[in-house]
Protein backbone atom coordinates (compact mmCIF):
# COMPACT_ATOMS: atom_id res chain seq x y z
CA UNK A 1 243.81 28.09 48.30
CA UNK A 2 245.16 30.19 45.70
CA UNK A 3 244.97 29.11 42.11
CA UNK A 4 243.48 25.00 42.52
CA UNK A 5 243.21 24.77 39.21
CA UNK A 6 244.54 26.50 35.34
CA UNK A 7 242.67 26.29 32.26
CA UNK A 8 243.14 27.23 29.13
CA UNK A 9 240.27 27.30 25.91
CA UNK A 10 240.93 25.72 23.00
CA UNK A 11 238.91 25.63 19.64
CA UNK A 12 238.15 21.90 18.99
CA UNK A 13 235.61 19.84 20.83
CA UNK A 14 238.47 18.29 22.81
CA UNK A 15 239.02 18.76 26.92
CA UNK A 16 242.76 17.42 28.26
CA UNK A 17 242.13 16.97 31.95
CA UNK A 18 245.33 16.45 34.23
CA UNK A 19 244.41 15.90 37.79
CA UNK A 20 247.68 15.15 39.02
CA UNK A 21 250.36 16.86 38.00
CA UNK A 22 250.23 19.72 40.72
CA UNK A 23 252.69 20.56 43.10
CA UNK A 24 251.19 22.77 45.28
CA UNK A 25 250.79 21.72 49.26
CA UNK A 26 249.32 23.36 51.87
CA UNK A 27 251.50 23.81 55.15
CA UNK A 28 249.31 21.75 57.01
CA UNK A 29 250.59 18.81 54.87
CA UNK A 30 253.83 19.91 54.04
CA UNK A 31 254.02 19.80 58.21
CA UNK A 32 252.72 16.47 58.22
CA UNK A 33 254.47 14.42 55.14
CA UNK A 34 256.99 12.13 55.94
CA UNK A 35 260.65 12.65 54.80
CA UNK A 36 260.31 10.28 52.09
CA UNK A 37 256.97 12.16 50.97
CA UNK A 38 258.76 15.57 51.15
CA UNK A 39 259.57 15.14 47.16
CA UNK A 40 256.19 14.23 46.10
CA UNK A 41 257.03 11.06 44.09
CA UNK A 42 253.35 9.59 43.71
CA UNK A 43 253.24 13.17 41.13
CA UNK A 44 251.80 12.59 37.51
CA UNK A 45 255.48 14.62 36.31
CA UNK A 46 255.64 16.49 33.23
CA UNK A 47 252.31 15.71 32.15
CA UNK A 48 251.22 19.28 31.27
CA UNK A 49 254.85 19.46 28.95
CA UNK A 50 254.13 15.77 27.50
CA UNK A 51 250.96 17.22 26.50
CA UNK A 52 251.87 20.66 25.42
CA UNK A 53 251.25 19.50 21.65
CA UNK A 54 247.57 19.37 22.42
CA UNK A 55 247.82 22.94 23.29
CA UNK A 56 248.79 23.68 19.47
CA UNK A 57 246.20 21.35 17.99
CA UNK A 58 243.83 23.84 19.86
CA UNK A 59 242.44 21.36 22.70
CA UNK A 60 241.47 22.89 25.70
CA UNK A 61 243.44 21.61 29.13
CA UNK A 62 242.52 21.82 32.64
CA UNK A 63 244.70 20.95 35.06
CA UNK A 64 244.96 20.72 39.05
CA UNK A 65 248.01 22.81 40.81
CA UNK A 66 247.85 20.95 44.28
CA UNK A 67 249.50 17.57 45.22
CA UNK A 68 247.40 14.34 45.04
CA UNK A 69 248.80 14.07 48.61
CA UNK A 70 246.36 17.50 49.92
CA UNK A 71 243.50 16.13 47.96
CA UNK A 72 243.11 13.62 44.96
CA UNK A 73 241.24 15.34 42.17
CA UNK A 74 240.21 11.67 40.13
CA UNK A 75 238.30 10.48 43.23
CA UNK A 76 234.46 10.28 44.29
CA UNK A 77 233.71 13.65 47.22
CA UNK A 78 232.05 10.76 49.20
CA UNK A 79 235.69 8.81 48.75
CA UNK A 80 233.98 5.66 47.37
CA UNK A 81 236.62 3.09 46.44
CA UNK A 82 236.90 2.80 42.75
CA UNK A 83 238.75 -0.22 42.43
CA UNK A 84 237.93 -3.78 44.81
CA UNK A 85 241.70 -4.19 45.49
CA UNK A 86 244.21 -1.53 47.17
CA UNK A 87 243.81 2.03 45.90
CA UNK A 88 244.66 5.42 47.28
CA UNK A 89 241.44 7.46 48.51
CA UNK A 90 240.52 11.13 48.46
CA UNK A 91 242.82 12.10 50.92
CA UNK A 92 245.58 9.48 50.62
CA UNK A 93 246.69 7.59 53.59
CA UNK A 94 250.17 6.35 52.12
CA UNK A 95 252.63 6.42 49.21
CA UNK A 96 251.87 3.97 46.26
CA UNK A 97 254.71 2.07 47.91
CA UNK A 98 252.29 1.31 51.07
CA UNK A 99 254.16 3.36 53.52
CA UNK A 100 252.47 5.94 56.12
CA UNK A 101 252.23 9.28 54.07
CA UNK A 102 252.38 11.09 57.11
CA UNK A 103 254.22 10.98 60.66
CA UNK A 104 251.62 9.89 63.48
CA UNK A 105 249.69 12.34 64.40
CA UNK A 106 250.30 14.89 61.82
CA UNK A 107 247.40 14.06 59.05
CA UNK A 108 245.33 17.39 58.47
CA UNK A 109 242.31 18.02 60.42
CA UNK A 110 238.92 17.01 59.26
CA UNK A 111 238.24 20.85 59.15
CA UNK A 112 241.32 21.32 56.85
CA UNK A 113 240.27 18.59 54.50
CA UNK A 114 236.90 20.15 54.42
CA UNK A 115 237.96 23.69 53.14
CA UNK A 116 240.55 21.52 50.41
CA UNK A 117 237.20 19.57 49.24
CA UNK A 118 235.54 22.70 48.86
CA UNK A 119 238.48 25.36 47.64
CA UNK A 120 240.51 22.85 45.51
CA UNK A 121 238.19 19.54 44.18
CA UNK A 122 235.17 21.61 43.63
CA UNK A 123 236.62 24.53 41.56
CA UNK A 124 238.26 21.26 39.57
CA UNK A 125 235.75 19.81 38.86
CA UNK A 126 233.53 22.91 38.48
CA UNK A 127 236.03 23.46 35.51
CA UNK A 128 235.45 20.50 34.11
CA UNK A 129 231.88 20.45 34.03
CA UNK A 130 231.61 24.00 32.56
CA UNK A 131 234.05 23.48 29.82
CA UNK A 132 232.43 20.10 28.44
CA UNK A 133 229.26 21.84 28.85
CA UNK A 134 230.75 24.89 26.46
CA UNK A 135 232.01 22.35 24.03
CA UNK A 136 228.62 20.29 23.80
CA UNK A 137 226.92 23.84 23.51
CA UNK A 138 229.52 24.67 20.52
CA UNK A 139 229.51 21.69 18.69
CA UNK A 140 227.14 19.13 19.45
CA UNK A 141 229.09 16.88 21.54
CA UNK A 142 232.55 16.75 23.70
CA UNK A 143 235.55 15.14 23.99
CA UNK A 144 237.30 14.05 27.26
CA UNK A 145 240.62 12.75 27.70
CA UNK A 146 242.02 11.75 31.30
CA UNK A 147 245.86 12.21 31.08
CA UNK A 148 247.78 10.19 33.86
CA UNK A 149 251.04 8.44 34.35
CA UNK A 150 252.81 5.75 36.92
CA UNK A 151 255.35 3.93 37.70
CA UNK A 152 255.53 0.60 35.64
CA UNK A 153 256.14 -1.18 38.77
CA UNK A 154 253.88 -0.95 41.74
CA UNK A 155 253.35 -4.33 43.95
CA UNK A 156 250.81 -2.23 46.25
CA UNK A 157 248.62 -1.72 42.97
CA UNK A 158 249.26 -4.41 40.72
CA UNK A 159 251.33 -7.34 39.71
CA UNK A 160 254.10 -7.58 37.40
CA UNK A 161 255.21 -4.93 35.27
CA UNK A 162 252.48 -2.41 33.83
CA UNK A 163 251.47 -1.91 30.47
CA UNK A 164 253.12 1.18 28.89
CA UNK A 165 249.44 2.33 27.47
CA UNK A 166 246.49 1.90 29.71
CA UNK A 167 243.14 2.87 28.02
CA UNK A 168 240.51 3.14 30.50
CA UNK A 169 236.83 3.20 29.45
CA UNK A 170 234.99 1.90 32.55
CA UNK A 171 234.50 -0.92 30.46
CA UNK A 172 232.69 0.51 27.77
CA UNK A 173 230.61 2.74 29.91
CA UNK A 174 232.38 6.15 29.68
CA UNK A 175 232.89 6.56 25.65
CA UNK A 176 231.11 4.37 22.34
CA UNK A 177 232.50 1.42 22.07
CA UNK A 178 233.98 1.90 18.05
CA UNK A 179 236.09 5.04 19.59
CA UNK A 180 237.64 2.71 22.37
CA UNK A 181 238.39 0.32 19.52
CA UNK A 182 240.08 2.80 17.39
CA UNK A 183 242.02 4.28 20.04
CA UNK A 184 243.14 0.41 20.74
CA UNK A 185 243.95 -0.12 17.46
CA UNK A 186 246.77 2.66 17.28
CA UNK A 187 248.15 1.54 20.52
CA UNK A 188 248.49 -1.95 19.08
CA UNK A 189 250.54 -0.49 15.86
CA UNK A 190 252.73 1.54 18.38
CA UNK A 191 256.17 -0.50 18.35
CA UNK A 192 257.80 -1.14 21.43
CA UNK A 193 254.56 -0.05 23.65
CA UNK A 194 253.16 -2.65 25.57
CA UNK A 195 248.83 -1.85 25.79
CA UNK A 196 245.70 -2.70 27.69
CA UNK A 197 241.99 -1.54 27.30
CA UNK A 198 240.09 -1.23 30.61
CA UNK A 199 242.97 -3.53 32.47
CA UNK A 200 244.08 -2.72 35.74
CA UNK A 201 243.04 0.89 35.43
CA UNK A 202 239.64 1.55 33.77
CA UNK A 203 238.86 4.91 34.08
CA UNK A 204 238.73 7.02 37.66
CA UNK A 205 236.30 9.39 39.14
CA UNK A 206 236.28 11.60 36.24
CA UNK A 207 235.93 9.38 33.55
CA UNK A 208 233.46 7.79 35.03
CA UNK A 209 231.76 10.86 35.99
CA UNK A 210 231.63 12.59 32.75
CA UNK A 211 231.95 10.45 30.36
CA UNK A 212 228.07 10.16 29.39
CA UNK A 213 228.01 8.75 25.50
CA UNK A 214 224.19 8.73 25.69
CA UNK A 215 224.61 12.91 26.43
CA UNK A 216 227.56 13.01 23.57
CA UNK A 217 230.21 13.30 26.09
CA UNK A 218 232.81 10.54 25.60
CA UNK A 219 235.42 10.14 28.09
CA UNK A 220 238.69 8.19 27.75
CA UNK A 221 241.45 7.76 30.18
CA UNK A 222 245.35 6.94 29.43
CA UNK A 223 247.58 5.72 32.09
CA UNK A 224 251.21 6.01 30.96
CA UNK A 225 254.03 4.29 32.19
CA UNK A 226 256.03 7.15 33.58
CA UNK A 227 259.03 4.77 31.88
CA UNK A 228 257.94 5.89 28.74
CA UNK A 229 258.99 9.65 28.96
CA UNK A 230 260.89 10.01 32.01
CA UNK A 231 262.85 8.68 34.95
CA UNK A 232 260.61 6.78 37.24
CA UNK A 233 262.63 7.64 40.43
CA UNK A 234 264.27 11.11 42.16
CA UNK A 235 264.90 13.68 40.67
CA UNK A 236 262.08 12.34 38.13
CA UNK A 237 264.02 14.01 35.16
CA UNK A 238 262.23 14.35 31.67
CA UNK A 239 263.88 12.25 28.88
CA UNK A 240 263.36 14.13 25.55
CA UNK A 241 264.29 11.22 23.45
CA UNK A 242 261.40 9.19 24.98
CA UNK A 243 259.26 11.81 25.68
CA UNK A 244 259.26 12.48 21.60
CA UNK A 245 258.55 8.93 20.66
CA UNK A 246 256.02 8.92 23.05
CA UNK A 247 254.51 11.95 21.81
CA UNK A 248 254.34 10.10 18.20
CA UNK A 249 251.88 7.72 19.98
CA UNK A 250 249.69 10.21 21.83
CA UNK A 251 249.48 12.83 18.85
CA UNK A 252 247.77 10.00 17.00
CA UNK A 253 245.55 8.96 19.69
CA UNK A 254 244.08 12.25 20.30
CA UNK A 255 243.96 13.07 16.38
CA UNK A 256 241.97 9.88 16.44
CA UNK A 257 239.69 10.61 18.62
CA UNK A 258 239.22 14.29 16.80
CA UNK A 259 238.82 12.32 13.41
CA UNK A 260 236.06 9.94 14.80
CA UNK A 261 233.87 12.61 16.68
CA UNK A 262 233.92 14.76 13.06
CA UNK A 263 232.31 11.53 11.45
CA UNK A 264 230.10 10.59 14.31
CA UNK A 265 228.45 14.21 14.72
CA UNK A 266 229.65 15.74 11.26
CA UNK A 267 231.34 18.98 12.64
């Protein structure tokens, strides 16, 4: 698989992980998708653009290049479910709307999917591990921000309308509670935005796997409603006026995370 991951090395103890913005697909996936799925509707659209300010701040950024329809980088390699309710797996079988993703008999083979695990999933996680190790070596700690977005209404996954800002810390296991409290306070002050902490989205595999406060690695996931910065339906247009307002919330969240780290670790 060509170029499965992009990595920008920064000069802050902060890594932004963007696993679901990729739009590359393999031939087997492309040929098997139903017509409704050809436009990759469950992509975390425009997230690298929305977080482009983080590069200017000096954060490291890792982003997956392949669609989650090929393999979901935020699921465990053994495909054990992360949530008790409805969810999608390592190799998604349906759209978020509940419709089967592939035409009958057209799913990739077990051999093809083994290659996706080896050549797409593993390189992404190798990059995350290596960068977190580099940051902890340089600064004595590392901060991981999982950047995600999703349509605000998806009955298969959750009831009603999702809050705009969904912080996840695996019920407090992936980061220091004091850091989570500061971040939640920022969300609470964000005028016009609803929020939750460890609600429907508690953090996916990456947050749970790499967040380890005892090892001085603090991970937080933010699941952002797409209505906060873009059109939620095709052609999924980026809305600069909405995005600018949302960036004015995202920036202090990342700044607060960095400030907390400096206070806690002295650098």
